[in-house]
Amino acid sequence: MTWQVEIDPRQCMASGSCAAIAPDLFAVGGAHARPLNDRIEEDERALDAADVCPAMAITVRDGERVIGPRP
């Protein structure tokens, strides 16, 4: 199963926390971060990145269900 990873550029403040946790999943460039791929294999680090994002800009979906950030 694959997950969909999105970063809302309107919320992202380019803190770099996502890229620090998972540099093979996220990159920071310019005014905001971006996922390196829109679809990824299940990877707990994507959820960790969504959890620690100070702007809450990262959303991880499993199909239609939002699984990150976690409550």
PDB file of N, CA and C in Angstrom:
ATOM      1  N   MET A   1       0.841  -1.179   0.000  1.00  0.00           N
ATOM      2  CA  MET A   1       0.000   0.000   0.000  1.00  0.00           C
ATOM      3  C   MET A   1       0.889   1.247   0.000  1.00  0.00           C
ATOM      4  N   THR A   2       0.453   2.278  -0.677  1.00  0.00           N
ATOM      5  CA  THR A   2       1.204   3.532  -0.692  1.00  0.00           C
ATOM      6  C   THR A   2       0.427   4.617   0.034  1.00  0.00           C
ATOM      7  N   TRP A   3       1.163   5.583   0.499  1.00  0.00           N
ATOM      8  CA  TRP A   3       0.584   6.750   1.149  1.00  0.00           C
ATOM      9  C   TRP A   3       0.773   7.958   0.254  1.00  0.00           C
ATOM     10  N   GLN A   4      -0.122   8.926   0.385  1.00  0.00           N
ATOM     11  CA  GLN A   4      -0.007  10.191  -0.330  1.00  0.00           C
ATOM     12  C   GLN A   4       0.486  11.238   0.657  1.00  0.00           C
ATOM     13  N   VAL A   5       1.515  11.989   0.265  1.00  0.00           N
ATOM     14  CA  VAL A   5       2.101  13.015   1.125  1.00  0.00           C
ATOM     15  C   VAL A   5       1.927  14.372   0.456  1.00  0.00           C
ATOM     16  N   GLU A   6       1.408  15.333   1.222  1.00  0.00           N
ATOM     17  CA  GLU A   6       1.198  16.681   0.695  1.00  0.00           C
ATOM     18  C   GLU A   6       1.749  17.696   1.686  1.00  0.00           C
ATOM     19  N   ILE A   7       2.272  18.790   1.157  1.00  0.00           N
ATOM     20  CA  ILE A   7       2.668  19.925   1.988  1.00  0.00           C
ATOM     21  C   ILE A   7       1.925  21.138   1.458  1.00  0.00           C
ATOM     22  N   ASP A   8       1.188  21.805   2.330  1.00  0.00           N
ATOM     23  CA  ASP A   8       0.450  23.001   1.949  1.00  0.00           C
ATOM     24  C   ASP A   8       1.436  24.176   1.922  1.00  0.00           C
ATOM     25  N   PRO A   9       1.751  24.698   0.733  1.00  0.00           N
ATOM     26  CA  PRO A   9       2.743  25.778   0.649  1.00  0.00           C
ATOM     27  C   PRO A   9       2.284  27.063   1.331  1.00  0.00           C
ATOM     28  N   ARG A  10       0.983  27.223   1.535  1.00  0.00           N
ATOM     29  CA  ARG A  10       0.483  28.423   2.226  1.00  0.00           C
ATOM     30  C   ARG A  10       0.752  28.353   3.716  1.00  0.00           C
ATOM     31  N   GLN A  11       0.893  27.143   4.255  1.00  0.00           N
ATOM     32  CA  GLN A  11       1.145  26.974   5.681  1.00  0.00           C
ATOM     33  C   GLN A  11       2.624  26.758   5.983  1.00  0.00           C
ATOM     34  N   CYS A  12       3.350  26.148   5.074  1.00  0.00           N
ATOM     35  CA  CYS A  12       4.740  25.775   5.310  1.00  0.00           C
ATOM     36  C   CYS A  12       5.599  27.012   5.555  1.00  0.00           C
ATOM     37  N   MET A  13       6.443  26.931   6.589  1.00  0.00           N
ATOM     38  CA  MET A  13       7.361  28.026   6.907  1.00  0.00           C
ATOM     39  C   MET A  13       8.818  27.621   6.685  1.00  0.00           C
ATOM     40  N   ALA A  14       9.039  26.491   6.001  1.00  0.00           N
ATOM     41  CA  ALA A  14      10.374  26.007   5.630  1.00  0.00           C
ATOM     42  C   ALA A  14      11.289  25.845   6.835  1.00  0.00           C
ATOM     43  N   SER A  15      10.761  25.287   7.921  1.00  0.00           N
ATOM     44  CA  SER A  15      11.584  25.074   9.115  1.00  0.00           C
ATOM     45  C   SER A  15      12.645  24.006   8.880  1.00  0.00           C
ATOM     46  N   GLY A  16      12.379  23.081   7.958  1.00  0.00           N
ATOM     47  CA  GLY A  16      13.332  22.023   7.656  1.00  0.00           C
ATOM     48  C   GLY A  16      13.217  20.805   8.549  1.00  0.00           C
ATOM     49  N   SER A  17      12.263  20.805   9.471  1.00  0.00           N
ATOM     50  CA  SER A  17      12.132  19.658  10.377  1.00  0.00           C
ATOM     51  C   SER A  17      11.781  18.380   9.618  1.00  0.00           C
ATOM     52  N   CYS A  18      10.986  18.491   8.574  1.00  0.00           N
ATOM     53  CA  CYS A  18      10.623  17.301   7.791  1.00  0.00           C
ATOM     54  C   CYS A  18      11.839  16.713   7.087  1.00  0.00           C
ATOM     55  N   ALA A  19      12.639  17.579   6.474  1.00  0.00           N
ATOM     56  CA  ALA A  19      13.834  17.116   5.771  1.00  0.00           C
ATOM     57  C   ALA A  19      14.883  16.581   6.741  1.00  0.00           C
ATOM     58  N   ALA A  20      14.904  17.099   7.958  1.00  0.00           N
ATOM     59  CA  ALA A  20      15.843  16.593   8.955  1.00  0.00           C
ATOM     60  C   ALA A  20      15.469  15.176   9.382  1.00  0.00           C
ATOM     61  N   ILE A  21      14.178  14.915   9.493  1.00  0.00           N
ATOM     62  CA  ILE A  21      13.702  13.588   9.900  1.00  0.00           C
ATOM     63  C   ILE A  21      13.821  12.583   8.756  1.00  0.00           C
ATOM     64  N   ALA A  22      13.477  13.016   7.553  1.00  0.00           N
ATOM     65  CA  ALA A  22      13.450  12.097   6.409  1.00  0.00           C
ATOM     66  C   ALA A  22      13.966  12.795   5.150  1.00  0.00           C
ATOM     67  N   PRO A  23      15.291  12.962   5.030  1.00  0.00           N
ATOM     68  CA  PRO A  23      15.834  13.683   3.875  1.00  0.00           C
ATOM     69  C   PRO A  23      15.588  12.992   2.537  1.00  0.00           C
ATOM     70  N   ASP A  24      15.246  11.716   2.573  1.00  0.00           N
ATOM     71  CA  ASP A  24      14.931  11.012   1.328  1.00  0.00           C
ATOM     72  C   ASP A  24      13.454  11.139   0.957  1.00  0.00           C
ATOM     73  N   LEU A  25      12.656  11.772   1.838  1.00  0.00           N
ATOM     74  CA  LEU A  25      11.224  11.973   1.570  1.00  0.00           C
ATOM     75  C   LEU A  25      10.868  13.434   1.338  1.00  0.00           C
ATOM     76  N   PHE A  26      11.637  14.367   1.953  1.00  0.00           N
ATOM     77  CA  PHE A  26      11.316  15.798   1.896  1.00  0.00           C
ATOM     78  C   PHE A  26      12.552  16.619   1.557  1.00  0.00           C
ATOM     79  N   ALA A  27      12.322  17.757   0.893  1.00  0.00           N
ATOM     80  CA  ALA A  27      13.393  18.707   0.593  1.00  0.00           C
ATOM     81  C   ALA A  27      12.884  20.114   0.878  1.00  0.00           C
ATOM     82  N   VAL A  28      13.794  20.976   1.280  1.00  0.00           N
ATOM     83  CA  VAL A  28      13.460  22.381   1.518  1.00  0.00           C
ATOM     84  C   VAL A  28      14.165  23.192   0.453  1.00  0.00           C
ATOM     85  N   GLY A  29      13.399  24.052  -0.184  1.00  0.00           N
ATOM     86  CA  GLY A  29      13.973  24.922  -1.205  1.00  0.00           C
ATOM     87  C   GLY A  29      13.105  26.149  -1.354  1.00  0.00           C
ATOM     88  N   GLY A  30      13.715  27.300  -1.286  1.00  0.00           N
ATOM     89  CA  GLY A  30      12.934  28.519  -1.413  1.00  0.00           C
ATOM     90  C   GLY A  30      12.084  28.767  -0.184  1.00  0.00           C
ATOM     91  N   ALA A  31      10.843  29.117  -0.412  1.00  0.00           N
ATOM     92  CA  ALA A  31       9.964  29.537   0.671  1.00  0.00           C
ATOM     93  C   ALA A  31       9.278  28.398   1.406  1.00  0.00           C
ATOM     94  N   HIS A  32       9.373  27.156   0.877  1.00  0.00           N
ATOM     95  CA  HIS A  32       8.707  26.059   1.570  1.00  0.00           C
ATOM     96  C   HIS A  32       9.325  24.709   1.207  1.00  0.00           C
ATOM     97  N   ALA A  33       8.950  23.720   1.977  1.00  0.00           N
ATOM     98  CA  ALA A  33       9.411  22.349   1.737  1.00  0.00           C
ATOM     99  C   ALA A  33       8.481  21.676   0.733  1.00  0.00           C
ATOM    100  N   ARG A  34       8.950  20.530   0.249  1.00  0.00           N
ATOM    101  CA  ARG A  34       8.107  19.758  -0.666  1.00  0.00           C
ATOM    102  C   ARG A  34       8.436  18.283  -0.482  1.00  0.00           C
ATOM    103  N   PRO A  35       7.445  17.431  -0.732  1.00  0.00           N
ATOM    104  CA  PRO A  35       7.756  15.999  -0.729  1.00  0.00           C
ATOM    105  C   PRO A  35       8.516  15.664  -2.010  1.00  0.00           C
ATOM    106  N   LEU A  36       9.463  14.760  -1.931  1.00  0.00           N
ATOM    107  CA  LEU A  36      10.208  14.366  -3.123  1.00  0.00           C
ATOM    108  C   LEU A  36       9.350  13.519  -4.050  1.00  0.00           C
ATOM    109  N   ASN A  37       8.359  12.833  -3.487  1.00  0.00           N
ATOM    110  CA  ASN A  37       7.390  12.058  -4.265  1.00  0.00           C
ATOM    111  C   ASN A  37       6.023  12.249  -3.638  1.00  0.00           C
ATOM    112  N   ASP A  38       4.991  12.348  -4.466  1.00  0.00           N
ATOM    113  CA  ASP A  38       3.629  12.487  -3.936  1.00  0.00           C
ATOM    114  C   ASP A  38       3.134  11.193  -3.299  1.00  0.00           C
ATOM    115  N   ARG A  39       3.601  10.074  -3.808  1.00  0.00           N
ATOM    116  CA  ARG A  39       3.225   8.760  -3.274  1.00  0.00           C
ATOM    117  C   ARG A  39       4.478   8.074  -2.759  1.00  0.00           C
ATOM    118  N   ILE A  40       4.360   7.501  -1.565  1.00  0.00           N
ATOM    119  CA  ILE A  40       5.494   6.804  -0.962  1.00  0.00           C
ATOM    120  C   ILE A  40       5.018   5.461  -0.416  1.00  0.00           C
ATOM    121  N   GLU A  41       5.958   4.551  -0.242  1.00  0.00           N
ATOM    122  CA  GLU A  41       5.652   3.328   0.485  1.00  0.00           C
ATOM    123  C   GLU A  41       5.410   3.728   1.939  1.00  0.00           C
ATOM    124  N   GLU A  42       4.644   2.944   2.654  1.00  0.00           N
ATOM    125  CA  GLU A  42       4.380   3.247   4.059  1.00  0.00           C
ATOM    126  C   GLU A  42       5.703   3.466   4.778  1.00  0.00           C
ATOM    127  N   ASP A  43       5.821   4.603   5.466  1.00  0.00           N
ATOM    128  CA  ASP A  43       7.064   4.965   6.138  1.00  0.00           C
ATOM    129  C   ASP A  43       6.713   5.798   7.370  1.00  0.00           C
ATOM    130  N   GLU A  44       6.993   5.263   8.517  1.00  0.00           N
ATOM    131  CA  GLU A  44       6.683   5.921   9.790  1.00  0.00           C
ATOM    132  C   GLU A  44       7.304   7.313   9.882  1.00  0.00           C
ATOM    133  N   ARG A  45       8.426   7.518   9.208  1.00  0.00           N
ATOM    134  CA  ARG A  45       9.082   8.824   9.262  1.00  0.00           C
ATOM    135  C   ARG A  45       8.231   9.926   8.624  1.00  0.00           C
ATOM    136  N   ALA A  46       7.404   9.586   7.659  1.00  0.00           N
ATOM    137  CA  ALA A  46       6.500  10.581   7.073  1.00  0.00           C
ATOM    138  C   ALA A  46       5.492  11.040   8.123  1.00  0.00           C
ATOM    139  N   LEU A  47       5.003  10.106   8.923  1.00  0.00           N
ATOM    140  CA  LEU A  47       4.084  10.459  10.002  1.00  0.00           C
ATOM    141  C   LEU A  47       4.794  11.275  11.070  1.00  0.00           C
ATOM    142  N   ASP A  48       6.027  10.907  11.392  1.00  0.00           N
ATOM    143  CA  ASP A  48       6.810  11.668  12.372  1.00  0.00           C
ATOM    144  C   ASP A  48       7.007  13.100  11.891  1.00  0.00           C
ATOM    145  N   ALA A  49       7.309  13.270  10.605  1.00  0.00           N
ATOM    146  CA  ALA A  49       7.507  14.608  10.039  1.00  0.00           C
ATOM    147  C   ALA A  49       6.221  15.426  10.126  1.00  0.00           C
ATOM    148  N   ALA A  50       5.096  14.801   9.822  1.00  0.00           N
ATOM    149  CA  ALA A  50       3.808  15.505   9.926  1.00  0.00           C
ATOM    150  C   ALA A  50       3.525  15.904  11.372  1.00  0.00           C
ATOM    151  N   ASP A  51       3.888  15.028  12.297  1.00  0.00           N
ATOM    152  CA  ASP A  51       3.641  15.306  13.720  1.00  0.00           C
ATOM    153  C   ASP A  51       4.460  16.484  14.238  1.00  0.00           C
ATOM    154  N   VAL A  52       5.714  16.619  13.791  1.00  0.00           N
ATOM    155  CA  VAL A  52       6.591  17.659  14.340  1.00  0.00           C
ATOM    156  C   VAL A  52       6.588  18.953  13.538  1.00  0.00           C
ATOM    157  N   CYS A  53       5.926  18.973  12.405  1.00  0.00           N
ATOM    158  CA  CYS A  53       5.887  20.192  11.589  1.00  0.00           C
ATOM    159  C   CYS A  53       5.297  21.340  12.409  1.00  0.00           C
ATOM    160  N   PRO A  54       6.063  22.417  12.648  1.00  0.00           N
ATOM    161  CA  PRO A  54       5.552  23.506  13.480  1.00  0.00           C
ATOM    162  C   PRO A  54       4.369  24.251  12.855  1.00  0.00           C
ATOM    163  N   ALA A  55       4.226  24.160  11.551  1.00  0.00           N
ATOM    164  CA  ALA A  55       3.123  24.849  10.865  1.00  0.00           C
ATOM    165  C   ALA A  55       1.955  23.914  10.562  1.00  0.00           C
ATOM    166  N   MET A  56       2.114  22.618  10.911  1.00  0.00           N
ATOM    167  CA  MET A  56       1.076  21.623  10.614  1.00  0.00           C
ATOM    168  C   MET A  56       0.730  21.633   9.123  1.00  0.00           C
ATOM    169  N   ALA A  57       1.757  21.744   8.284  1.00  0.00           N
ATOM    170  CA  ALA A  57       1.567  21.874   6.837  1.00  0.00           C
ATOM    171  C   ALA A  57       1.565  20.536   6.101  1.00  0.00           C
ATOM    172  N   ILE A  58       1.967  19.462   6.778  1.00  0.00           N
ATOM    173  CA  ILE A  58       2.103  18.158   6.123  1.00  0.00           C
ATOM    174  C   ILE A  58       0.869  17.307   6.400  1.00  0.00           C
ATOM    175  N   THR A  59       0.326  16.717   5.343  1.00  0.00           N
ATOM    176  CA  THR A  59      -0.783  15.776   5.469  1.00  0.00           C
ATOM    177  C   THR A  59      -0.359  14.467   4.823  1.00  0.00           C
ATOM    178  N   VAL A  60      -0.602  13.371   5.537  1.00  0.00           N
ATOM    179  CA  VAL A  60      -0.323  12.038   5.010  1.00  0.00           C
ATOM    180  C   VAL A  60      -1.656  11.303   4.936  1.00  0.00           C
ATOM    181  N   ARG A  61      -1.933  10.714   3.771  1.00  0.00           N
ATOM    182  CA  ARG A  61      -3.193   9.992   3.565  1.00  0.00           C
ATOM    183  C   ARG A  61      -2.922   8.540   3.182  1.00  0.00           C
ATOM    184  N   ASP A  62      -3.769   7.686   3.701  1.00  0.00           N
ATOM    185  CA  ASP A  62      -3.810   6.277   3.294  1.00  0.00           C
ATOM    186  C   ASP A  62      -5.144   6.123   2.580  1.00  0.00           C
ATOM    187  N   GLY A  63      -5.110   6.198   1.258  1.00  0.00           N
ATOM    188  CA  GLY A  63      -6.363   6.251   0.499  1.00  0.00           C
ATOM    189  C   GLY A  63      -7.037   7.586   0.774  1.00  0.00           C
ATOM    190  N   GLU A  64      -8.279   7.538   1.192  1.00  0.00           N
ATOM    191  CA  GLU A  64      -9.024   8.760   1.512  1.00  0.00           C
ATOM    192  C   GLU A  64      -8.864   9.180   2.969  1.00  0.00           C
ATOM    193  N   ARG A  65      -8.290   8.307   3.786  1.00  0.00           N
ATOM    194  CA  ARG A  65      -8.194   8.548   5.228  1.00  0.00           C
ATOM    195  C   ARG A  65      -6.920   9.311   5.578  1.00  0.00           C
ATOM    196  N   VAL A  66      -7.071  10.405   6.324  1.00  0.00           N
ATOM    197  CA  VAL A  66      -5.915  11.168   6.811  1.00  0.00           C
ATOM    198  C   VAL A  66      -5.338  10.423   7.999  1.00  0.00           C
ATOM    199  N   ILE A  67      -4.033  10.087   7.905  1.00  0.00           N
ATOM    200  CA  ILE A  67      -3.380   9.374   8.992  1.00  0.00           C
ATOM    201  C   ILE A  67      -2.285  10.214   9.663  1.00  0.00           C
ATOM    202  N   GLY A  68      -1.952  11.338   9.095  1.00  0.00           N
ATOM    203  CA  GLY A  68      -0.967  12.210   9.697  1.00  0.00           C
ATOM    204  C   GLY A  68      -1.262  13.653   9.336  1.00  0.00           C
ATOM    205  N   PRO A  69      -1.057  14.564  10.260  1.00  0.00           N
ATOM    206  CA  PRO A  69      -0.473  14.352  11.567  1.00  0.00           C
ATOM    207  C   PRO A  69      -1.413  13.577  12.493  1.00  0.00           C
ATOM    208  N   ARG A  70      -0.793  12.892  13.427  1.00  0.00           N
ATOM    209  CA  ARG A  70      -1.561  12.116  14.396  1.00  0.00           C
ATOM    210  C   ARG A  70      -2.032  13.008  15.529  1.00  0.00           C
ATOM    211  N   PRO A  71      -3.208  12.685  16.082  1.00  0.00           N
ATOM    212  CA  PRO A  71      -3.733  13.510  17.200  1.00  0.00           C
ATOM    213  C   PRO A  71      -2.866  13.432  18.439  1.00  0.00           C
TER     214      PRO A  71
END
